[in-house]
Amino acid sequence: MKIGIMGGTFDPIHNGHLMLGEYAYRQCKLDEIWFMPNGNPPHKKNSSIESDAKTRAEMVGLAIADTEYFKLNLHEVNQEKISCSYQTLEYLQANYPQDEFYFIIGADSLFTIESWVHPERIFPTCTILAAYRDDIDTREKMNSKMQELCEKYNAKIRLLDTPLLHVSSHELREVLKEGGSVSEYLPEIVENYIQRHELYKAI
């Protein structure tokens, strides 16, 4: 199978995540998209993650439940140690040798991926799908960066043409703390879960 990997803290998961997964699925003719909440990411301080891994995974599960080709994978959530992308991708490659993996990232991540832990071990495990949004002159810059990475690491990289959705989990948390509405950006079932469990309340 051709499997897309959507990683992230998903604190909370929002429509932008789901839209990116959908566009990757359709544009690259993938069989499934695996959403992999990160339990202990190396690039974020624990203080910036406001919900525990179990809670974030439950929200992801609710958000993707009605899409048969979206799957929840708890591999990183179940890791007590810090989860690095290269480790997860090498694990998937070793345990699912019959499958092809497509690692879905945003444009910003394409430009910073060399600062990640062992980026040279990421590229042999997957095809990178980098989300391109025509909000600034990103296509030329992204093509240049793609060429650089392909030459340096023998990387396989494709651009995903996605709509621009001005939303981030951090911004949604701030709105929720102020008692504002985020209905436009969250699946209703996730918004209800947040309200029921009183998440992201101002301290």
C-alpha atoms as a PDB file:
ATOM      1  CA  MET A   1       0.000   0.000   0.000  1.00  0.00           C
ATOM      2  CA  LYS A   2       0.920   3.643  -0.416  1.00  0.00           C
ATOM      3  CA  ILE A   3       0.584   5.195   3.028  1.00  0.00           C
ATOM      4  CA  GLY A   4       0.748   8.871   3.946  1.00  0.00           C
ATOM      5  CA  ILE A   5       2.111   9.763   7.378  1.00  0.00           C
ATOM      6  CA  MET A   6       0.671  12.788   9.165  1.00  0.00           C
ATOM      7  CA  GLY A   7       2.633  13.479  12.325  1.00  0.00           C
ATOM      8  CA  GLY A   8       2.213  16.242  14.857  1.00  0.00           C
ATOM      9  CA  THR A   9       1.147  17.076  18.374  1.00  0.00           C
ATOM     10  CA  PHE A  10      -2.457  17.728  17.224  1.00  0.00           C
ATOM     11  CA  ASP A  11      -3.134  19.963  20.236  1.00  0.00           C
ATOM     12  CA  PRO A  12      -5.898  20.079  19.025  1.00  0.00           C
ATOM     13  CA  ILE A  13      -6.355  18.497  15.604  1.00  0.00           C
ATOM     14  CA  HIS A  14      -8.149  20.936  13.285  1.00  0.00           C
ATOM     15  CA  ASN A  15      -9.615  21.167   9.803  1.00  0.00           C
ATOM     16  CA  GLY A  16      -6.282  22.221   8.334  1.00  0.00           C
ATOM     17  CA  HIS A  17      -4.755  18.873   9.338  1.00  0.00           C
ATOM     18  CA  LEU A  18      -7.680  16.976   7.865  1.00  0.00           C
ATOM     19  CA  MET A  19      -7.614  19.000   4.655  1.00  0.00           C
ATOM     20  CA  LEU A  20      -3.894  18.369   4.205  1.00  0.00           C
ATOM     21  CA  GLY A  21      -4.428  14.638   4.668  1.00  0.00           C
ATOM     22  CA  GLU A  22      -7.285  14.688   2.161  1.00  0.00           C
ATOM     23  CA  TYR A  23      -5.273  16.547  -0.482  1.00  0.00           C
ATOM     24  CA  ALA A  24      -2.321  14.184  -0.048  1.00  0.00           C
ATOM     25  CA  TYR A  25      -4.631  11.184  -0.376  1.00  0.00           C
ATOM     26  CA  ARG A  26      -6.210  12.443  -3.592  1.00  0.00           C
ATOM     27  CA  GLN A  27      -3.262  14.110  -5.345  1.00  0.00           C
ATOM     28  CA  CYS A  28      -0.840  11.224  -4.750  1.00  0.00           C
ATOM     29  CA  LYS A  29      -3.416   8.433  -5.026  1.00  0.00           C
ATOM     30  CA  LEU A  30      -2.546   7.022  -1.614  1.00  0.00           C
ATOM     31  CA  ASP A  31      -4.337   4.063  -0.042  1.00  0.00           C
ATOM     32  CA  GLU A  32      -4.397   5.329   3.543  1.00  0.00           C
ATOM     33  CA  ILE A  33      -3.329   8.274   5.682  1.00  0.00           C
ATOM     34  CA  TRP A  34      -1.950   7.379   9.113  1.00  0.00           C
ATOM     35  CA  PHE A  35      -2.328  10.131  11.718  1.00  0.00           C
ATOM     36  CA  MET A  36       0.443   9.690  14.292  1.00  0.00           C
ATOM     37  CA  PRO A  37       0.137  11.945  17.360  1.00  0.00           C
ATOM     38  CA  ASN A  38       3.519  12.564  18.923  1.00  0.00           C
ATOM     39  CA  GLY A  39       3.807  11.761  22.599  1.00  0.00           C
ATOM     40  CA  ASN A  40       7.114  13.494  23.331  1.00  0.00           C
ATOM     41  CA  PRO A  41       8.437  15.459  20.347  1.00  0.00           C
ATOM     42  CA  PRO A  42      12.075  16.604  20.394  1.00  0.00           C
ATOM     43  CA  HIS A  43      11.357  20.037  18.901  1.00  0.00           C
ATOM     44  CA  LYS A  44       8.743  21.240  21.374  1.00  0.00           C
ATOM     45  CA  LYS A  45       9.138  21.907  25.046  1.00  0.00           C
ATOM     46  CA  ASN A  46       6.669  19.953  27.138  1.00  0.00           C
ATOM     47  CA  SER A  47       5.349  23.245  28.491  1.00  0.00           C
ATOM     48  CA  SER A  48       4.064  24.153  25.017  1.00  0.00           C
ATOM     49  CA  ILE A  49       1.962  20.980  24.787  1.00  0.00           C
ATOM     50  CA  GLU A  50      -1.167  21.607  26.800  1.00  0.00           C
ATOM     51  CA  SER A  51      -2.945  18.248  26.528  1.00  0.00           C
ATOM     52  CA  ASP A  52      -1.551  14.834  27.368  1.00  0.00           C
ATOM     53  CA  ALA A  53      -0.888  12.306  24.616  1.00  0.00           C
ATOM     54  CA  LYS A  54      -3.956  10.196  25.428  1.00  0.00           C
ATOM     55  CA  THR A  55      -6.271  13.210  25.160  1.00  0.00           C
ATOM     56  CA  ARG A  56      -4.739  14.385  21.894  1.00  0.00           C
ATOM     57  CA  ALA A  57      -4.975  10.873  20.435  1.00  0.00           C
ATOM     58  CA  GLU A  58      -8.636  10.638  21.424  1.00  0.00           C
ATOM     59  CA  MET A  59      -9.367  13.903  19.609  1.00  0.00           C
ATOM     60  CA  VAL A  60      -7.593  12.623  16.494  1.00  0.00           C
ATOM     61  CA  GLY A  61      -9.574   9.383  16.649  1.00  0.00           C
ATOM     62  CA  LEU A  62     -12.838  11.308  16.829  1.00  0.00           C
ATOM     63  CA  ALA A  63     -11.877  13.662  14.004  1.00  0.00           C
ATOM     64  CA  ILE A  64     -10.997  10.909  11.511  1.00  0.00           C
ATOM     65  CA  ALA A  65     -13.568   8.275  12.499  1.00  0.00           C
ATOM     66  CA  ASP A  66     -15.872   8.894   9.537  1.00  0.00           C
ATOM     67  CA  THR A  67     -13.132   8.714   6.874  1.00  0.00           C
ATOM     68  CA  GLU A  68     -12.330   5.089   6.131  1.00  0.00           C
ATOM     69  CA  TYR A  69      -8.888   5.763   4.667  1.00  0.00           C
ATOM     70  CA  PHE A  70      -7.797   7.865   7.676  1.00  0.00           C
ATOM     71  CA  LYS A  71      -6.238   5.710  10.413  1.00  0.00           C
ATOM     72  CA  LEU A  72      -4.995   6.461  13.925  1.00  0.00           C
ATOM     73  CA  ASN A  73      -1.539   5.063  14.696  1.00  0.00           C
ATOM     74  CA  LEU A  74      -0.401   5.186  18.340  1.00  0.00           C
ATOM     75  CA  HIS A  75       3.220   4.122  17.854  1.00  0.00           C
ATOM     76  CA  GLU A  76       4.692   7.446  18.977  1.00  0.00           C
ATOM     77  CA  VAL A  77       2.115   7.967  21.732  1.00  0.00           C
ATOM     78  CA  ASN A  78       3.145   4.639  23.230  1.00  0.00           C
ATOM     79  CA  GLN A  79       6.831   5.573  23.293  1.00  0.00           C
ATOM     80  CA  GLU A  80       8.059   6.814  26.677  1.00  0.00           C
ATOM     81  CA  LYS A  81      11.215   8.261  25.161  1.00  0.00           C
ATOM     82  CA  ILE A  82      11.449  11.240  22.822  1.00  0.00           C
ATOM     83  CA  SER A  83      10.077  10.400  19.382  1.00  0.00           C
ATOM     84  CA  CYS A  84      12.158  11.521  16.413  1.00  0.00           C
ATOM     85  CA  SER A  85      10.855  11.369  12.859  1.00  0.00           C
ATOM     86  CA  TYR A  86      13.764   9.314  11.567  1.00  0.00           C
ATOM     87  CA  GLN A  87      13.177   6.669  14.255  1.00  0.00           C
ATOM     88  CA  THR A  88       9.475   6.408  13.481  1.00  0.00           C
ATOM     89  CA  LEU A  89      10.039   6.205   9.738  1.00  0.00           C
ATOM     90  CA  GLU A  90      12.759   3.577  10.122  1.00  0.00           C
ATOM     91  CA  TYR A  91      10.410   1.602  12.379  1.00  0.00           C
ATOM     92  CA  LEU A  92       7.647   1.755   9.773  1.00  0.00           C
ATOM     93  CA  GLN A  93       9.998   0.782   6.956  1.00  0.00           C
ATOM     94  CA  ALA A  94      11.288  -2.210   8.946  1.00  0.00           C
ATOM     95  CA  ASN A  95       7.887  -3.415  10.134  1.00  0.00           C
ATOM     96  CA  TYR A  96       5.891  -2.783   6.957  1.00  0.00           C
ATOM     97  CA  PRO A  97       8.404  -3.615   4.203  1.00  0.00           C
ATOM     98  CA  GLN A  98       5.625  -4.262   1.697  1.00  0.00           C
ATOM     99  CA  ASP A  99       4.352  -0.662   1.960  1.00  0.00           C
ATOM    100  CA  GLU A 100       5.551   2.672   0.579  1.00  0.00           C
ATOM    101  CA  PHE A 101       5.528   5.640   2.944  1.00  0.00           C
ATOM    102  CA  TYR A 102       4.871   9.271   2.117  1.00  0.00           C
ATOM    103  CA  PHE A 103       5.799  11.747   4.858  1.00  0.00           C
ATOM    104  CA  ILE A 104       3.487  14.776   4.741  1.00  0.00           C
ATOM    105  CA  ILE A 105       4.989  18.065   5.934  1.00  0.00           C
ATOM    106  CA  GLY A 106       4.330  21.783   5.613  1.00  0.00           C
ATOM    107  CA  ALA A 107       6.408  24.208   3.589  1.00  0.00           C
ATOM    108  CA  ASP A 108       8.082  25.537   6.723  1.00  0.00           C
ATOM    109  CA  SER A 109       9.247  22.041   7.638  1.00  0.00           C
ATOM    110  CA  LEU A 110      10.830  21.540   4.223  1.00  0.00           C
ATOM    111  CA  PHE A 111      13.094  24.522   4.872  1.00  0.00           C
ATOM    112  CA  THR A 112      14.023  23.417   8.410  1.00  0.00           C
ATOM    113  CA  ILE A 113      14.213  19.633   7.965  1.00  0.00           C
ATOM    114  CA  GLU A 114      18.006  19.668   7.973  1.00  0.00           C
ATOM    115  CA  SER A 115      17.886  20.942  11.561  1.00  0.00           C
ATOM    116  CA  TRP A 116      15.936  17.852  12.647  1.00  0.00           C
ATOM    117  CA  VAL A 117      17.631  14.916  14.345  1.00  0.00           C
ATOM    118  CA  HIS A 118      19.424  12.810  11.704  1.00  0.00           C
ATOM    119  CA  PRO A 119      17.704  14.207   8.612  1.00  0.00           C
ATOM    120  CA  GLU A 120      19.938  12.019   6.451  1.00  0.00           C
ATOM    121  CA  ARG A 121      18.113   8.983   7.874  1.00  0.00           C
ATOM    122  CA  ILE A 122      14.661  10.350   7.008  1.00  0.00           C
ATOM    123  CA  PHE A 123      15.053  10.565   3.241  1.00  0.00           C
ATOM    124  CA  PRO A 124      15.837   6.880   2.489  1.00  0.00           C
ATOM    125  CA  THR A 125      12.667   5.746   4.269  1.00  0.00           C
ATOM    126  CA  CYS A 126       9.986   7.689   2.399  1.00  0.00           C
ATOM    127  CA  THR A 127       8.882  10.174  -0.204  1.00  0.00           C
ATOM    128  CA  ILE A 128       8.454  13.652   1.253  1.00  0.00           C
ATOM    129  CA  LEU A 129       5.181  15.381   0.380  1.00  0.00           C
ATOM    130  CA  ALA A 130       5.627  19.094   1.044  1.00  0.00           C
ATOM    131  CA  ALA A 131       2.518  21.260   1.161  1.00  0.00           C
ATOM    132  CA  TYR A 132       2.788  24.219  -1.177  1.00  0.00           C
ATOM    133  CA  ARG A 133       0.538  27.233  -0.651  1.00  0.00           C
ATOM    134  CA  ASP A 134       0.546  30.077  -3.146  1.00  0.00           C
ATOM    135  CA  ASP A 135       0.372  32.809  -0.515  1.00  0.00           C
ATOM    136  CA  ILE A 136       3.887  34.140  -1.123  1.00  0.00           C
ATOM    137  CA  ASP A 137       6.594  33.377  -3.659  1.00  0.00           C
ATOM    138  CA  THR A 138       7.061  29.922  -2.190  1.00  0.00           C
ATOM    139  CA  ARG A 139       7.040  27.772  -5.324  1.00  0.00           C
ATOM    140  CA  GLU A 140      10.379  29.026  -6.635  1.00  0.00           C
ATOM    141  CA  LYS A 141      11.940  28.833  -3.182  1.00  0.00           C
ATOM    142  CA  MET A 142      10.511  25.367  -2.554  1.00  0.00           C
ATOM    143  CA  ASN A 143      11.701  24.078  -5.929  1.00  0.00           C
ATOM    144  CA  SER A 144      15.170  25.366  -5.146  1.00  0.00           C
ATOM    145  CA  LYS A 145      15.157  23.724  -1.712  1.00  0.00           C
ATOM    146  CA  MET A 146      13.825  20.472  -3.155  1.00  0.00           C
ATOM    147  CA  GLN A 147      16.610  20.377  -5.720  1.00  0.00           C
ATOM    148  CA  GLU A 148      19.187  21.053  -3.009  1.00  0.00           C
ATOM    149  CA  LEU A 149      17.875  18.234  -0.798  1.00  0.00           C
ATOM    150  CA  CYS A 150      17.562  15.803  -3.694  1.00  0.00           C
ATOM    151  CA  GLU A 151      21.158  16.402  -4.720  1.00  0.00           C
ATOM    152  CA  LYS A 152      22.537  16.292  -1.174  1.00  0.00           C
ATOM    153  CA  TYR A 153      20.538  13.335   0.205  1.00  0.00           C
ATOM    154  CA  ASN A 154      19.164  11.631  -2.899  1.00  0.00           C
ATOM    155  CA  ALA A 155      15.778  12.598  -1.476  1.00  0.00           C
ATOM    156  CA  LYS A 156      12.415  11.937  -3.109  1.00  0.00           C
ATOM    157  CA  ILE A 157      10.215  15.019  -2.719  1.00  0.00           C
ATOM    158  CA  ARG A 158       6.891  16.056  -4.265  1.00  0.00           C
ATOM    159  CA  LEU A 159       4.909  19.253  -3.840  1.00  0.00           C
ATOM    160  CA  LEU A 160       1.309  19.177  -2.648  1.00  0.00           C
ATOM    161  CA  ASP A 161      -0.819  22.010  -3.954  1.00  0.00           C
ATOM    162  CA  THR A 162      -3.114  22.872  -1.045  1.00  0.00           C
ATOM    163  CA  PRO A 163      -5.511  25.744  -0.254  1.00  0.00           C
ATOM    164  CA  LEU A 164      -4.415  28.333   2.247  1.00  0.00           C
ATOM    165  CA  LEU A 165      -6.123  27.941   5.620  1.00  0.00           C
ATOM    166  CA  HIS A 166      -5.066  30.518   8.168  1.00  0.00           C
ATOM    167  CA  VAL A 167      -5.226  28.385  11.302  1.00  0.00           C
ATOM    168  CA  SER A 168      -2.847  26.799  13.777  1.00  0.00           C
ATOM    169  CA  SER A 169      -3.388  24.755  16.918  1.00  0.00           C
ATOM    170  CA  HIS A 170      -1.645  27.444  18.962  1.00  0.00           C
ATOM    171  CA  GLU A 171      -4.012  30.141  17.680  1.00  0.00           C
ATOM    172  CA  LEU A 172      -7.038  27.952  18.374  1.00  0.00           C
ATOM    173  CA  ARG A 173      -5.882  27.341  21.949  1.00  0.00           C
ATOM    174  CA  GLU A 174      -5.567  31.077  22.493  1.00  0.00           C
ATOM    175  CA  VAL A 175      -9.077  31.715  21.157  1.00  0.00           C
ATOM    176  CA  LEU A 176     -10.476  28.961  23.376  1.00  0.00           C
ATOM    177  CA  LYS A 177      -8.758  30.433  26.427  1.00  0.00           C
ATOM    178  CA  GLU A 178     -10.491  33.724  25.721  1.00  0.00           C
ATOM    179  CA  GLY A 179     -13.840  31.993  25.382  1.00  0.00           C
ATOM    180  CA  GLY A 180     -14.106  32.596  21.645  1.00  0.00           C
ATOM    181  CA  SER A 181     -15.654  30.380  18.980  1.00  0.00           C
ATOM    182  CA  VAL A 182     -13.537  27.994  16.903  1.00  0.00           C
ATOM    183  CA  SER A 183     -16.431  26.191  15.201  1.00  0.00           C
ATOM    184  CA  GLU A 184     -15.173  27.235  11.777  1.00  0.00           C
ATOM    185  CA  TYR A 185     -11.869  25.459  12.272  1.00  0.00           C
ATOM    186  CA  LEU A 186     -12.650  22.290  14.242  1.00  0.00           C
ATOM    187  CA  PRO A 187     -14.754  19.219  13.514  1.00  0.00           C
ATOM    188  CA  GLU A 188     -17.880  19.533  15.635  1.00  0.00           C
ATOM    189  CA  ILE A 189     -17.132  16.290  17.455  1.00  0.00           C
ATOM    190  CA  VAL A 190     -13.703  17.614  18.489  1.00  0.00           C
ATOM    191  CA  GLU A 191     -15.145  20.936  19.627  1.00  0.00           C
ATOM    192  CA  ASN A 192     -17.713  19.068  21.745  1.00  0.00           C
ATOM    193  CA  TYR A 193     -14.938  16.926  23.252  1.00  0.00           C
ATOM    194  CA  ILE A 194     -12.949  20.044  24.176  1.00  0.00           C
ATOM    195  CA  GLN A 195     -15.983  21.634  25.818  1.00  0.00           C
ATOM    196  CA  ARG A 196     -16.954  18.447  27.638  1.00  0.00           C
ATOM    197  CA  HIS A 197     -13.474  17.984  29.080  1.00  0.00           C
ATOM    198  CA  GLU A 198     -12.946  21.721  29.630  1.00  0.00           C
ATOM    199  CA  LEU A 199      -9.673  21.770  27.705  1.00  0.00           C
ATOM    200  CA  TYR A 200      -7.630  24.905  27.005  1.00  0.00           C
ATOM    201  CA  LYS A 201      -9.298  26.939  29.700  1.00  0.00           C
ATOM    202  CA  ALA A 202      -7.559  30.095  30.877  1.00  0.00           C
ATOM    203  CA  ILE A 203      -5.714  29.511  34.144  1.00  0.00           C
END
